């Protein structure tokens, strides 16, 4: 019977109490460590919150600065409204209540163009143009009384004017007169009038034509093919290659002017230089691609106080962008360079 009885476990109370006390001590140390870490995190959070608030304030100030500078740089479009419309969103020529009846577009913006009742600039004077007078008479049957046939008395004219636009391309045929000697005295047997002056020897176009061509191409910036179309509309059928050749012939004629402008610009007290890419669709030996560089040199004379400031602008087309391409141009200036 005693063989089947389980042994009673022996409990060592001193050992158990020491074990649990050790675990409690470790737990308390861990809790203290976590509390210290929590306090440090809370401090870090407070510092980061303050930093975020500080950065947000800086962002607001920067946004205000950007808005102010953008307004100073770009401004407001003059076509969208005057100063009054930019200030209160109403039309620039409104009444005392800031409204322009019938002249305000949707959204409170001022209407474009001349305001009703506003002072205009008046009619332009075209009296300097070449004038052609055309008299228009009353029909013969209306210049007398229909009842008795008594003719009406002339009172004068009632005048009005129109502007006509005419483009006239003229073919000039120079017929030089020749004369033959009829006597036996020594000298040339025949003489002939001298040929007319030509800007380009044996050239087809007159000086006026070349000047207009250079103006259309370089001042108005019209491509050659559009100049060809405009000339064709006026009756002159000319190839684009012919105009390109004429422009090349003009270049040596204005080269002295370009040299004089460059020499005049080198005496300036200040020069600014800048470049931009420029496409040149011409194959040049040693040049890959069609990307060239257009350099501009702006000059100002700062010592002219009582006279209007004078300046010159010089353009140079270079195949490359490097310093060696413009060093010769810049070295010629003695003043500050920007």
C-alpha atoms as a PDB file:
ATOM      1  CA  UNK A   1       0.000   0.000   0.000  1.00  0.00           C
ATOM      2  CA  UNK A   2       2.830   2.435   0.772  1.00  0.00           C
ATOM      3  CA  UNK A   3       4.410   1.799  -2.633  1.00  0.00           C
ATOM      4  CA  UNK A   4       1.556   3.586  -4.423  1.00  0.00           C
ATOM      5  CA  UNK A   5       1.721   6.901  -2.431  1.00  0.00           C
ATOM      6  CA  UNK A   6       3.318   9.853  -4.282  1.00  0.00           C
ATOM      7  CA  UNK A   7       6.074  11.710  -2.471  1.00  0.00           C
ATOM      8  CA  UNK A   8       5.129  15.131  -1.119  1.00  0.00           C
ATOM      9  CA  UNK A   9       7.214  17.940  -2.697  1.00  0.00           C
ATOM     10  CA  UNK A  10       9.388  19.773  -0.330  1.00  0.00           C
ATOM     11  CA  UNK A  11       9.098  23.578  -0.527  1.00  0.00           C
ATOM     12  CA  UNK A  12      12.092  25.650   0.358  1.00  0.00           C
ATOM     13  CA  UNK A  13      10.521  28.941   1.401  1.00  0.00           C
ATOM     14  CA  UNK A  14      13.813  30.798   1.696  1.00  0.00           C
ATOM     15  CA  UNK A  15      14.866  29.894  -1.843  1.00  0.00           C
ATOM     16  CA  UNK A  16      11.510  30.931  -3.378  1.00  0.00           C
ATOM     17  CA  UNK A  17      11.449  34.239  -1.599  1.00  0.00           C
ATOM     18  CA  UNK A  18      14.934  35.092  -2.858  1.00  0.00           C
ATOM     19  CA  UNK A  19      14.024  34.145  -6.434  1.00  0.00           C
ATOM     20  CA  UNK A  20      10.945  36.322  -6.554  1.00  0.00           C
ATOM     21  CA  UNK A  21      12.695  39.189  -4.896  1.00  0.00           C
ATOM     22  CA  UNK A  22      15.427  39.047  -7.569  1.00  0.00           C
ATOM     23  CA  UNK A  23      12.830  39.086 -10.339  1.00  0.00           C
ATOM     24  CA  UNK A  24      11.033  41.989  -8.701  1.00  0.00           C
ATOM     25  CA  UNK A  25      14.292  43.917  -8.498  1.00  0.00           C
ATOM     26  CA  UNK A  26      15.021  43.316 -12.154  1.00  0.00           C
ATOM     27  CA  UNK A  27      11.492  44.393 -13.093  1.00  0.00           C
ATOM     28  CA  UNK A  28      11.777  47.581 -11.080  1.00  0.00           C
ATOM     29  CA  UNK A  29      15.114  48.368 -12.772  1.00  0.00           C
ATOM     30  CA  UNK A  30      13.540  47.773 -16.183  1.00  0.00           C
ATOM     31  CA  UNK A  31      10.609  50.010 -15.311  1.00  0.00           C
ATOM     32  CA  UNK A  32      12.975  52.773 -14.221  1.00  0.00           C
ATOM     33  CA  UNK A  33      14.934  52.372 -17.444  1.00  0.00           C
ATOM     34  CA  UNK A  34      11.768  52.584 -19.547  1.00  0.00           C
ATOM     35  CA  UNK A  35      10.571  55.602 -17.615  1.00  0.00           C
ATOM     36  CA  UNK A  36      13.885  57.349 -18.271  1.00  0.00           C
ATOM     37  CA  UNK A  37      13.672  56.481 -21.971  1.00  0.00           C
ATOM     38  CA  UNK A  38      10.077  57.755 -22.062  1.00  0.00           C
ATOM     39  CA  UNK A  39      11.110  61.032 -20.457  1.00  0.00           C
ATOM     40  CA  UNK A  40      13.930  61.418 -23.009  1.00  0.00           C
ATOM     41  CA  UNK A  41      11.534  60.754 -25.890  1.00  0.00           C
ATOM     42  CA  UNK A  42       9.077  63.261 -24.513  1.00  0.00           C
ATOM     43  CA  UNK A  43      11.830  65.852 -24.332  1.00  0.00           C
ATOM     44  CA  UNK A  44      12.877  65.073 -27.886  1.00  0.00           C
ATOM     45  CA  UNK A  45       9.265  65.346 -29.022  1.00  0.00           C
ATOM     46  CA  UNK A  46       8.895  68.740 -27.377  1.00  0.00           C
ATOM     47  CA  UNK A  47      12.089  69.943 -29.068  1.00  0.00           C
ATOM     48  CA  UNK A  48      10.984  68.631 -32.465  1.00  0.00           C
ATOM     49  CA  UNK A  49       7.554  70.229 -32.057  1.00  0.00           C
ATOM     50  CA  UNK A  50       9.188  73.577 -31.361  1.00  0.00           C
ATOM     51  CA  UNK A  51      11.487  73.115 -34.349  1.00  0.00           C
ATOM     52  CA  UNK A  52       8.536  72.285 -36.616  1.00  0.00           C
ATOM     53  CA  UNK A  53       6.735  75.425 -35.447  1.00  0.00           C
ATOM     54  CA  UNK A  54       9.859  77.483 -36.100  1.00  0.00           C
ATOM     55  CA  UNK A  55      10.283  76.040 -39.602  1.00  0.00           C
ATOM     56  CA  UNK A  56       6.603  76.613 -40.363  1.00  0.00           C
ATOM     57  CA  UNK A  57       7.049  80.266 -39.455  1.00  0.00           C
ATOM     58  CA  UNK A  58      10.069  80.509 -41.730  1.00  0.00           C
ATOM     59  CA  UNK A  59       8.106  78.903 -44.581  1.00  0.00           C
ATOM     60  CA  UNK A  60       5.321  81.472 -44.148  1.00  0.00           C
ATOM     61  CA  UNK A  61       7.838  84.321 -44.264  1.00  0.00           C
ATOM     62  CA  UNK A  62       9.506  82.868 -47.353  1.00  0.00           C
ATOM     63  CA  UNK A  63       6.150  82.479 -49.093  1.00  0.00           C
ATOM     64  CA  UNK A  64       5.355  86.116 -48.363  1.00  0.00           C
ATOM     65  CA  UNK A  65       8.740  87.133 -49.744  1.00  0.00           C
ATOM     66  CA  UNK A  66       8.190  85.059 -52.904  1.00  0.00           C
ATOM     67  CA  UNK A  67       4.772  86.639 -53.420  1.00  0.00           C
ATOM     68  CA  UNK A  68       6.158  90.141 -52.973  1.00  0.00           C
ATOM     69  CA  UNK A  69       9.141  89.567 -55.257  1.00  0.00           C
ATOM     70  CA  UNK A  70       6.973  87.897 -57.902  1.00  0.00           C
ATOM     71  CA  UNK A  71       4.679  90.896 -57.891  1.00  0.00           C
ATOM     72  CA  UNK A  72       7.614  93.272 -58.271  1.00  0.00           C
ATOM     73  CA  UNK A  73       9.187  91.192 -61.043  1.00  0.00           C
ATOM     74  CA  UNK A  74       6.191  90.255 -63.160  1.00  0.00           C
ATOM     75  CA  UNK A  75       3.594  92.773 -62.023  1.00  0.00           C
ATOM     76  CA  UNK A  76       0.008  92.734 -63.207  1.00  0.00           C
ATOM     77  CA  UNK A  77      -0.998  92.682 -66.828  1.00  0.00           C
ATOM     78  CA  UNK A  78      -2.126  96.095 -68.038  1.00  0.00           C
ATOM     79  CA  UNK A  79      -4.791  94.412 -70.196  1.00  0.00           C
ATOM     80  CA  UNK A  80      -6.559  92.854 -67.223  1.00  0.00           C
ATOM     81  CA  UNK A  81      -7.222  96.017 -65.258  1.00  0.00           C
ATOM     82  CA  UNK A  82      -5.796  99.263 -63.988  1.00  0.00           C
ATOM     83  CA  UNK A  83      -4.363 100.060 -60.552  1.00  0.00           C
ATOM     84  CA  UNK A  84      -7.836 100.298 -59.084  1.00  0.00           C
ATOM     85  CA  UNK A  85      -8.766  96.814 -60.306  1.00  0.00           C
ATOM     86  CA  UNK A  86      -5.594  95.356 -58.790  1.00  0.00           C
ATOM     87  CA  UNK A  87      -6.394  97.010 -55.495  1.00  0.00           C
ATOM     88  CA  UNK A  88     -10.069  96.103 -55.080  1.00  0.00           C
ATOM     89  CA  UNK A  89     -10.818  93.743 -57.955  1.00  0.00           C
ATOM     90  CA  UNK A  90     -12.942  96.297 -59.822  1.00  0.00           C
ATOM     91  CA  UNK A  91     -12.550  98.149 -63.086  1.00  0.00           C
ATOM     92  CA  UNK A  92      -9.914 100.848 -63.369  1.00  0.00           C
ATOM     93  CA  UNK A  93     -12.335 103.526 -64.610  1.00  0.00           C
ATOM     94  CA  UNK A  94     -15.236 102.762 -62.313  1.00  0.00           C
ATOM     95  CA  UNK A  95     -17.331 105.308 -60.554  1.00  0.00           C
ATOM     96  CA  UNK A  96     -17.370 106.309 -56.917  1.00  0.00           C
ATOM     97  CA  UNK A  97     -18.660 102.886 -55.918  1.00  0.00           C
ATOM     98  CA  UNK A  98     -15.817 101.163 -57.786  1.00  0.00           C
ATOM     99  CA  UNK A  99     -18.049  99.841 -60.577  1.00  0.00           C
ATOM    100  CA  UNK A 100     -18.065 100.513 -64.278  1.00  0.00           C
ATOM    101  CA  UNK A 101     -21.599  99.857 -65.470  1.00  0.00           C
ATOM    102  CA  UNK A 102     -21.504  97.800 -68.605  1.00  0.00           C
ATOM    103  CA  UNK A 103     -17.727  97.747 -68.643  1.00  0.00           C
ATOM    104  CA  UNK A 104     -16.821  95.018 -66.148  1.00  0.00           C
ATOM    105  CA  UNK A 105     -16.072  91.499 -67.261  1.00  0.00           C
ATOM    106  CA  UNK A 106     -17.192  88.459 -65.258  1.00  0.00           C
ATOM    107  CA  UNK A 107     -15.184  88.078 -62.097  1.00  0.00           C
ATOM    108  CA  UNK A 108     -14.997  91.818 -61.386  1.00  0.00           C
ATOM    109  CA  UNK A 109     -12.162  92.493 -63.826  1.00  0.00           C
ATOM    110  CA  UNK A 110     -12.116  95.693 -65.851  1.00  0.00           C
ATOM    111  CA  UNK A 111     -13.104  95.570 -69.496  1.00  0.00           C
ATOM    112  CA  UNK A 112     -10.335  95.762 -72.063  1.00  0.00           C
ATOM    113  CA  UNK A 113      -9.912  98.662 -74.405  1.00  0.00           C
ATOM    114  CA  UNK A 114     -11.214 102.222 -74.241  1.00  0.00           C
ATOM    115  CA  UNK A 115     -13.635 102.920 -71.386  1.00  0.00           C
ATOM    116  CA  UNK A 116     -16.965 104.607 -72.154  1.00  0.00           C
ATOM    117  CA  UNK A 117     -16.645 108.295 -71.457  1.00  0.00           C
ATOM    118  CA  UNK A 118     -12.864 108.104 -71.178  1.00  0.00           C
ATOM    119  CA  UNK A 119     -10.633 110.625 -72.884  1.00  0.00           C
ATOM    120  CA  UNK A 120      -9.332 109.276 -76.180  1.00  0.00           C
ATOM    121  CA  UNK A 121      -6.111 110.002 -77.961  1.00  0.00           C
ATOM    122  CA  UNK A 122      -7.805 111.692 -80.903  1.00  0.00           C
ATOM    123  CA  UNK A 123      -7.418 111.033 -84.579  1.00  0.00           C
ATOM    124  CA  UNK A 124      -3.945 110.494 -85.942  1.00  0.00           C
ATOM    125  CA  UNK A 125      -2.507 112.941 -88.421  1.00  0.00           C
ATOM    126  CA  UNK A 126      -1.574 111.395 -91.768  1.00  0.00           C
ATOM    127  CA  UNK A 127      -0.871 114.621 -93.607  1.00  0.00           C
ATOM    128  CA  UNK A 128       2.782 113.627 -93.995  1.00  0.00           C
ATOM    129  CA  UNK A 129       1.865 110.845 -96.413  1.00  0.00           C
ATOM    130  CA  UNK A 130       1.878 111.272-100.164  1.00  0.00           C
ATOM    131  CA  UNK A 131      -1.540 112.616-101.072  1.00  0.00           C
ATOM    132  CA  UNK A 132      -3.611 111.846-104.146  1.00  0.00           C
ATOM    133  CA  UNK A 133      -6.700 114.006-104.619  1.00  0.00           C
ATOM    134  CA  UNK A 134      -9.713 112.523-106.352  1.00  0.00           C
ATOM    135  CA  UNK A 135     -12.648 114.776-107.223  1.00  0.00           C
ATOM    136  CA  UNK A 136     -16.064 113.163-107.290  1.00  0.00           C
ATOM    137  CA  UNK A 137     -18.638 115.294-109.137  1.00  0.00           C
ATOM    138  CA  UNK A 138     -22.390 115.319-108.820  1.00  0.00           C
ATOM    139  CA  UNK A 139     -24.254 113.670-111.667  1.00  0.00           C
ATOM    140  CA  UNK A 140     -25.209 116.098-114.423  1.00  0.00           C
ATOM    141  CA  UNK A 141     -28.911 115.381-114.004  1.00  0.00           C
ATOM    142  CA  UNK A 142     -28.789 116.259-110.308  1.00  0.00           C
ATOM    143  CA  UNK A 143     -26.968 119.603-110.634  1.00  0.00           C
ATOM    144  CA  UNK A 144     -30.112 121.516-111.589  1.00  0.00           C
ATOM    145  CA  UNK A 145     -33.641 121.899-110.354  1.00  0.00           C
ATOM    146  CA  UNK A 146     -35.955 119.141-111.495  1.00  0.00           C
ATOM    147  CA  UNK A 147     -38.884 121.596-111.899  1.00  0.00           C
ATOM    148  CA  UNK A 148     -37.389 124.633-113.669  1.00  0.00           C
ATOM    149  CA  UNK A 149     -33.978 123.415-114.788  1.00  0.00           C
ATOM    150  CA  UNK A 150     -32.075 126.205-112.972  1.00  0.00           C
ATOM    151  CA  UNK A 151     -28.467 125.012-112.337  1.00  0.00           C
ATOM    152  CA  UNK A 152     -27.254 124.777-108.773  1.00  0.00           C
ATOM    153  CA  UNK A 153     -24.533 127.020-107.400  1.00  0.00           C
ATOM    154  CA  UNK A 154     -21.158 125.433-106.521  1.00  0.00           C
ATOM    155  CA  UNK A 155     -20.496 125.583-102.762  1.00  0.00           C
ATOM    156  CA  UNK A 156     -17.183 123.765-102.406  1.00  0.00           C
ATOM    157  CA  UNK A 157     -16.246 120.237-101.406  1.00  0.00           C
ATOM    158  CA  UNK A 158     -16.970 117.920 -98.539  1.00  0.00           C
ATOM    159  CA  UNK A 159     -13.714 116.109 -97.807  1.00  0.00           C
ATOM    160  CA  UNK A 160     -12.953 112.663 -96.379  1.00  0.00           C
ATOM    161  CA  UNK A 161      -9.815 110.569 -96.482  1.00  0.00           C
ATOM    162  CA  UNK A 162      -8.770 106.953 -96.784  1.00  0.00           C
ATOM    163  CA  UNK A 163      -5.407 105.227 -96.478  1.00  0.00           C
ATOM    164  CA  UNK A 164      -4.323 103.025 -99.368  1.00  0.00           C
ATOM    165  CA  UNK A 165      -1.546 100.449 -99.238  1.00  0.00           C
ATOM    166  CA  UNK A 166       0.232  99.874-102.521  1.00  0.00           C
ATOM    167  CA  UNK A 167       3.343  97.790-103.162  1.00  0.00           C
ATOM    168  CA  UNK A 168       4.976  98.541-106.478  1.00  0.00           C
ATOM    169  CA  UNK A 169       7.802  96.427-107.857  1.00  0.00           C
ATOM    170  CA  UNK A 170       9.390  98.071-110.862  1.00  0.00           C
ATOM    171  CA  UNK A 171      11.643  96.692-113.579  1.00  0.00           C
ATOM    172  CA  UNK A 172      14.166  99.379-114.450  1.00  0.00           C
ATOM    173  CA  UNK A 173      15.560  99.192-117.978  1.00  0.00           C
ATOM    174  CA  UNK A 174      18.574 101.438-118.452  1.00  0.00           C
ATOM    175  CA  UNK A 175      19.014 102.371-122.096  1.00  0.00           C
ATOM    176  CA  UNK A 176      22.393 104.057-122.452  1.00  0.00           C
ATOM    177  CA  UNK A 177      22.590 106.333-125.433  1.00  0.00           C
ATOM    178  CA  UNK A 178      25.428 105.865-127.900  1.00  0.00           C
ATOM    179  CA  UNK A 179      26.835 108.392-130.257  1.00  0.00           C
ATOM    180  CA  UNK A 180      29.082 108.036-133.312  1.00  0.00           C
ATOM    181  CA  UNK A 181      31.582 110.552-134.542  1.00  0.00           C
ATOM    182  CA  UNK A 182      30.751 112.083-137.940  1.00  0.00           C
ATOM    183  CA  UNK A 183      33.943 113.988-138.434  1.00  0.00           C
ATOM    184  CA  UNK A 184      37.487 112.905-139.235  1.00  0.00           C
ATOM    185  CA  UNK A 185      39.181 114.384-136.156  1.00  0.00           C
ATOM    186  CA  UNK A 186      41.154 112.024-133.884  1.00  0.00           C
ATOM    187  CA  UNK A 187      39.381 110.370-130.969  1.00  0.00           C
ATOM    188  CA  UNK A 188      37.060 107.490-130.257  1.00  0.00           C
ATOM    189  CA  UNK A 189      34.657 106.719-133.031  1.00  0.00           C
ATOM    190  CA  UNK A 190      31.735 106.050-130.660  1.00  0.00           C
ATOM    191  CA  UNK A 191      30.880 107.025-127.117  1.00  0.00           C
ATOM    192  CA  UNK A 192      28.305 105.591-124.721  1.00  0.00           C
ATOM    193  CA  UNK A 193      26.684 106.897-121.555  1.00  0.00           C
ATOM    194  CA  UNK A 194      28.086 105.429-118.338  1.00  0.00           C
ATOM    195  CA  UNK A 195      26.215 102.534-116.752  1.00  0.00           C
ATOM    196  CA  UNK A 196      24.037 103.201-113.697  1.00  0.00           C
ATOM    197  CA  UNK A 197      25.561 102.763-110.266  1.00  0.00           C
ATOM    198  CA  UNK A 198      25.043  99.317-108.789  1.00  0.00           C
ATOM    199  CA  UNK A 199      25.666  98.352-105.146  1.00  0.00           C
ATOM    200  CA  UNK A 200      26.807  94.932-106.340  1.00  0.00           C
ATOM    201  CA  UNK A 201      28.706  94.657-109.654  1.00  0.00           C
ATOM    202  CA  UNK A 202      26.474  93.025-112.253  1.00  0.00           C
ATOM    203  CA  UNK A 203      23.825  92.598-109.567  1.00  0.00           C
ATOM    204  CA  UNK A 204      20.129  92.274-110.376  1.00  0.00           C
ATOM    205  CA  UNK A 205      18.725  94.331-107.486  1.00  0.00           C
ATOM    206  CA  UNK A 206      18.943  98.031-106.774  1.00  0.00           C
ATOM    207  CA  UNK A 207      20.197  99.563-103.549  1.00  0.00           C
ATOM    208  CA  UNK A 208      16.634 100.224-102.432  1.00  0.00           C
ATOM    209  CA  UNK A 209      15.655  96.605-103.029  1.00  0.00           C
ATOM    210  CA  UNK A 210      18.646  95.303-101.059  1.00  0.00           C
ATOM    211  CA  UNK A 211      17.929  97.720 -98.217  1.00  0.00           C
ATOM    212  CA  UNK A 212      14.315  96.560 -98.040  1.00  0.00           C
ATOM    213  CA  UNK A 213      15.411  92.925 -98.212  1.00  0.00           C
ATOM    214  CA  UNK A 214      17.857  93.403 -95.307  1.00  0.00           C
ATOM    215  CA  UNK A 215      15.131  95.209 -93.344  1.00  0.00           C
ATOM    216  CA  UNK A 216      12.616  92.417 -93.894  1.00  0.00           C
ATOM    217  CA  UNK A 217      15.132  89.715 -92.953  1.00  0.00           C
ATOM    218  CA  UNK A 218      17.086  91.202 -90.067  1.00  0.00           C
ATOM    219  CA  UNK A 219      14.778  93.850 -88.561  1.00  0.00           C
ATOM    220  CA  UNK A 220      11.346  92.278 -89.029  1.00  0.00           C
ATOM    221  CA  UNK A 221      12.771  88.771 -88.732  1.00  0.00           C
ATOM    222  CA  UNK A 222      10.860  87.320 -91.677  1.00  0.00           C
ATOM    223  CA  UNK A 223      12.197  84.034 -93.101  1.00  0.00           C
ATOM    224  CA  UNK A 224      13.383  84.058 -96.676  1.00  0.00           C
ATOM    225  CA  UNK A 225      10.614  81.741 -97.870  1.00  0.00           C
ATOM    226  CA  UNK A 226       7.979  84.165 -96.541  1.00  0.00           C
ATOM    227  CA  UNK A 227       9.700  87.070 -98.278  1.00  0.00           C
ATOM    228  CA  UNK A 228       9.551  84.984-101.463  1.00  0.00           C
ATOM    229  CA  UNK A 229       5.812  84.467-100.953  1.00  0.00           C
ATOM    230  CA  UNK A 230       5.254  88.191-100.327  1.00  0.00           C
ATOM    231  CA  UNK A 231       7.168  89.132-103.478  1.00  0.00           C
ATOM    232  CA  UNK A 232       5.228  86.531-105.479  1.00  0.00           C
ATOM    233  CA  UNK A 233       1.957  88.052-104.255  1.00  0.00           C
ATOM    234  CA  UNK A 234       3.166  91.409-105.620  1.00  0.00           C
ATOM    235  CA  UNK A 235       4.105  89.945-108.995  1.00  0.00           C
ATOM    236  CA  UNK A 236       7.812  89.103-108.616  1.00  0.00           C
ATOM    237  CA  UNK A 237       8.667  85.418-108.932  1.00  0.00           C
ATOM    238  CA  UNK A 238      12.128  85.003-107.449  1.00  0.00           C
ATOM    239  CA  UNK A 239      13.913  81.977-106.026  1.00  0.00           C
ATOM    240  CA  UNK A 240      14.877  81.763-102.369  1.00  0.00           C
ATOM    241  CA  UNK A 241      18.471  81.023-103.369  1.00  0.00           C
ATOM    242  CA  UNK A 242      18.602  84.308-105.290  1.00  0.00           C
ATOM    243  CA  UNK A 243      17.598  86.262-102.178  1.00  0.00           C
ATOM    244  CA  UNK A 244      20.092  84.342-100.047  1.00  0.00           C
ATOM    245  CA  UNK A 245      22.820  85.201-102.529  1.00  0.00           C
ATOM    246  CA  UNK A 246      21.770  88.855-102.419  1.00  0.00           C
ATOM    247  CA  UNK A 247      21.993  88.867 -98.627  1.00  0.00           C
ATOM    248  CA  UNK A 248      25.504  87.426 -98.830  1.00  0.00           C
ATOM    249  CA  UNK A 249      26.426  90.185-101.267  1.00  0.00           C
ATOM    250  CA  UNK A 250      25.122  92.800 -98.829  1.00  0.00           C
ATOM    251  CA  UNK A 251      27.366  91.534 -96.009  1.00  0.00           C
ATOM    252  CA  UNK A 252      30.623  93.045 -97.379  1.00  0.00           C
ATOM    253  CA  UNK A 253      28.838  96.368 -97.896  1.00  0.00           C
ATOM    254  CA  UNK A 254      27.897  96.729 -94.224  1.00  0.00           C
ATOM    255  CA  UNK A 255      31.093  95.164 -92.872  1.00  0.00           C
ATOM    256  CA  UNK A 256      32.724  98.603 -92.363  1.00  0.00           C
ATOM    257  CA  UNK A 257      29.721  99.689 -90.294  1.00  0.00           C
ATOM    258  CA  UNK A 258      29.985  96.554 -88.157  1.00  0.00           C
ATOM    259  CA  UNK A 259      33.699  97.171 -87.624  1.00  0.00           C
ATOM    260  CA  UNK A 260      33.025 100.789 -86.662  1.00  0.00           C
ATOM    261  CA  UNK A 261      30.324  99.747 -84.184  1.00  0.00           C
ATOM    262  CA  UNK A 262      32.666  97.171 -82.638  1.00  0.00           C
ATOM    263  CA  UNK A 263      35.493  99.707 -82.359  1.00  0.00           C
ATOM    264  CA  UNK A 264      33.124 102.241 -80.838  1.00  0.00           C
ATOM    265  CA  UNK A 265      31.868  99.678 -78.327  1.00  0.00           C
ATOM    266  CA  UNK A 266      35.373  98.819 -77.157  1.00  0.00           C
ATOM    267  CA  UNK A 267      35.711 102.322 -75.753  1.00  0.00           C
ATOM    268  CA  UNK A 268      32.806 101.730 -73.344  1.00  0.00           C
ATOM    269  CA  UNK A 269      33.410 101.769 -69.632  1.00  0.00           C
ATOM    270  CA  UNK A 270      31.279  98.672 -69.026  1.00  0.00           C
ATOM    271  CA  UNK A 271      30.377  95.612 -71.073  1.00  0.00           C
ATOM    272  CA  UNK A 272      28.004  92.703 -70.487  1.00  0.00           C
ATOM    273  CA  UNK A 273      28.362  89.447 -72.426  1.00  0.00           C
ATOM    274  CA  UNK A 274      25.935  86.551 -72.735  1.00  0.00           C
ATOM    275  CA  UNK A 275      25.320  83.702 -75.122  1.00  0.00           C
ATOM    276  CA  UNK A 276      22.499  81.507 -76.365  1.00  0.00           C
ATOM    277  CA  UNK A 277      22.322  78.503 -78.650  1.00  0.00           C
ATOM    278  CA  UNK A 278      21.650  79.206 -82.320  1.00  0.00           C
ATOM    279  CA  UNK A 279      20.784  76.709 -85.005  1.00  0.00           C
ATOM    280  CA  UNK A 280      22.772  77.106 -88.241  1.00  0.00           C
ATOM    281  CA  UNK A 281      21.739  74.601 -90.902  1.00  0.00           C
ATOM    282  CA  UNK A 282      24.926  74.698 -92.899  1.00  0.00           C
ATOM    283  CA  UNK A 283      27.575  71.989 -93.078  1.00  0.00           C
ATOM    284  CA  UNK A 284      30.976  73.345 -92.054  1.00  0.00           C
ATOM    285  CA  UNK A 285      34.206  71.364 -92.181  1.00  0.00           C
ATOM    286  CA  UNK A 286      35.296  70.330 -88.684  1.00  0.00           C
ATOM    287  CA  UNK A 287      31.902  71.143 -87.137  1.00  0.00           C
ATOM    288  CA  UNK A 288      29.574  68.371 -85.942  1.00  0.00           C
ATOM    289  CA  UNK A 289      25.889  69.190 -85.868  1.00  0.00           C
ATOM    290  CA  UNK A 290      24.100  72.491 -86.413  1.00  0.00           C
ATOM    291  CA  UNK A 291      24.303  73.957 -82.921  1.00  0.00           C
ATOM    292  CA  UNK A 292      26.147  77.265 -82.881  1.00  0.00           C
ATOM    293  CA  UNK A 293      26.328  80.002 -80.247  1.00  0.00           C
ATOM    294  CA  UNK A 294      25.229  83.598 -80.582  1.00  0.00           C
ATOM    295  CA  UNK A 295      27.186  85.930 -78.305  1.00  0.00           C
ATOM    296  CA  UNK A 296      25.905  89.392 -77.486  1.00  0.00           C
ATOM    297  CA  UNK A 297      28.037  92.191 -76.057  1.00  0.00           C
ATOM    298  CA  UNK A 298      26.151  95.122 -74.561  1.00  0.00           C
ATOM    299  CA  UNK A 299      27.981  98.409 -73.967  1.00  0.00           C
ATOM    300  CA  UNK A 300      27.044 101.472 -71.951  1.00  0.00           C
ATOM    301  CA  UNK A 301      28.769 104.786 -71.355  1.00  0.00           C
ATOM    302  CA  UNK A 302      28.248 105.728 -67.698  1.00  0.00           C
ATOM    303  CA  UNK A 303      30.173 108.998 -67.727  1.00  0.00           C
ATOM    304  CA  UNK A 304      27.640 110.896 -69.825  1.00  0.00           C
ATOM    305  CA  UNK A 305      25.609 112.696 -67.172  1.00  0.00           C
ATOM    306  CA  UNK A 306      24.002 115.567 -69.013  1.00  0.00           C
ATOM    307  CA  UNK A 307      23.483 113.727 -72.277  1.00  0.00           C
ATOM    308  CA  UNK A 308      21.329 110.724 -73.051  1.00  0.00           C
ATOM    309  CA  UNK A 309      23.150 107.436 -72.364  1.00  0.00           C
ATOM    310  CA  UNK A 310      24.616 105.974 -75.510  1.00  0.00           C
ATOM    311  CA  UNK A 311      25.421 102.359 -76.141  1.00  0.00           C
ATOM    312  CA  UNK A 312      26.067  99.732 -78.760  1.00  0.00           C
ATOM    313  CA  UNK A 313      25.188  96.072 -79.118  1.00  0.00           C
ATOM    314  CA  UNK A 314      27.517  93.679 -80.892  1.00  0.00           C
ATOM    315  CA  UNK A 315      26.551  90.150 -81.978  1.00  0.00           C
ATOM    316  CA  UNK A 316      29.034  87.396 -82.706  1.00  0.00           C
ATOM    317  CA  UNK A 317      28.108  83.977 -84.106  1.00  0.00           C
ATOM    318  CA  UNK A 318      30.553  81.317 -82.941  1.00  0.00           C
ATOM    319  CA  UNK A 319      30.729  77.611 -83.661  1.00  0.00           C
ATOM    320  CA  UNK A 320      31.650  76.784 -80.055  1.00  0.00           C
ATOM    321  CA  UNK A 321      30.841  78.039 -76.593  1.00  0.00           C
ATOM    322  CA  UNK A 322      34.288  77.930 -74.983  1.00  0.00           C
ATOM    323  CA  UNK A 323      36.305  80.827 -73.673  1.00  0.00           C
ATOM    324  CA  UNK A 324      38.702  80.691 -76.600  1.00  0.00           C
ATOM    325  CA  UNK A 325      35.831  81.655 -78.906  1.00  0.00           C
ATOM    326  CA  UNK A 326      35.186  85.031 -77.244  1.00  0.00           C
ATOM    327  CA  UNK A 327      38.488  85.750 -75.542  1.00  0.00           C
ATOM    328  CA  UNK A 328      39.639  87.941 -78.419  1.00  0.00           C
ATOM    329  CA  UNK A 329      36.419  89.963 -78.220  1.00  0.00           C
ATOM    330  CA  UNK A 330      36.598  90.456 -74.459  1.00  0.00           C
ATOM    331  CA  UNK A 331      40.309  91.148 -74.316  1.00  0.00           C
ATOM    332  CA  UNK A 332      39.767  94.231 -76.463  1.00  0.00           C
ATOM    333  CA  UNK A 333      37.800  95.918 -73.648  1.00  0.00           C
ATOM    334  CA  UNK A 334      39.629  97.819 -70.960  1.00  0.00           C
ATOM    335  CA  UNK A 335      36.679  98.423 -68.654  1.00  0.00           C
ATOM    336  CA  UNK A 336      34.910  96.036 -66.234  1.00  0.00           C
ATOM    337  CA  UNK A 337      33.311  92.969 -67.738  1.00  0.00           C
ATOM    338  CA  UNK A 338      30.097  91.335 -66.571  1.00  0.00           C
END
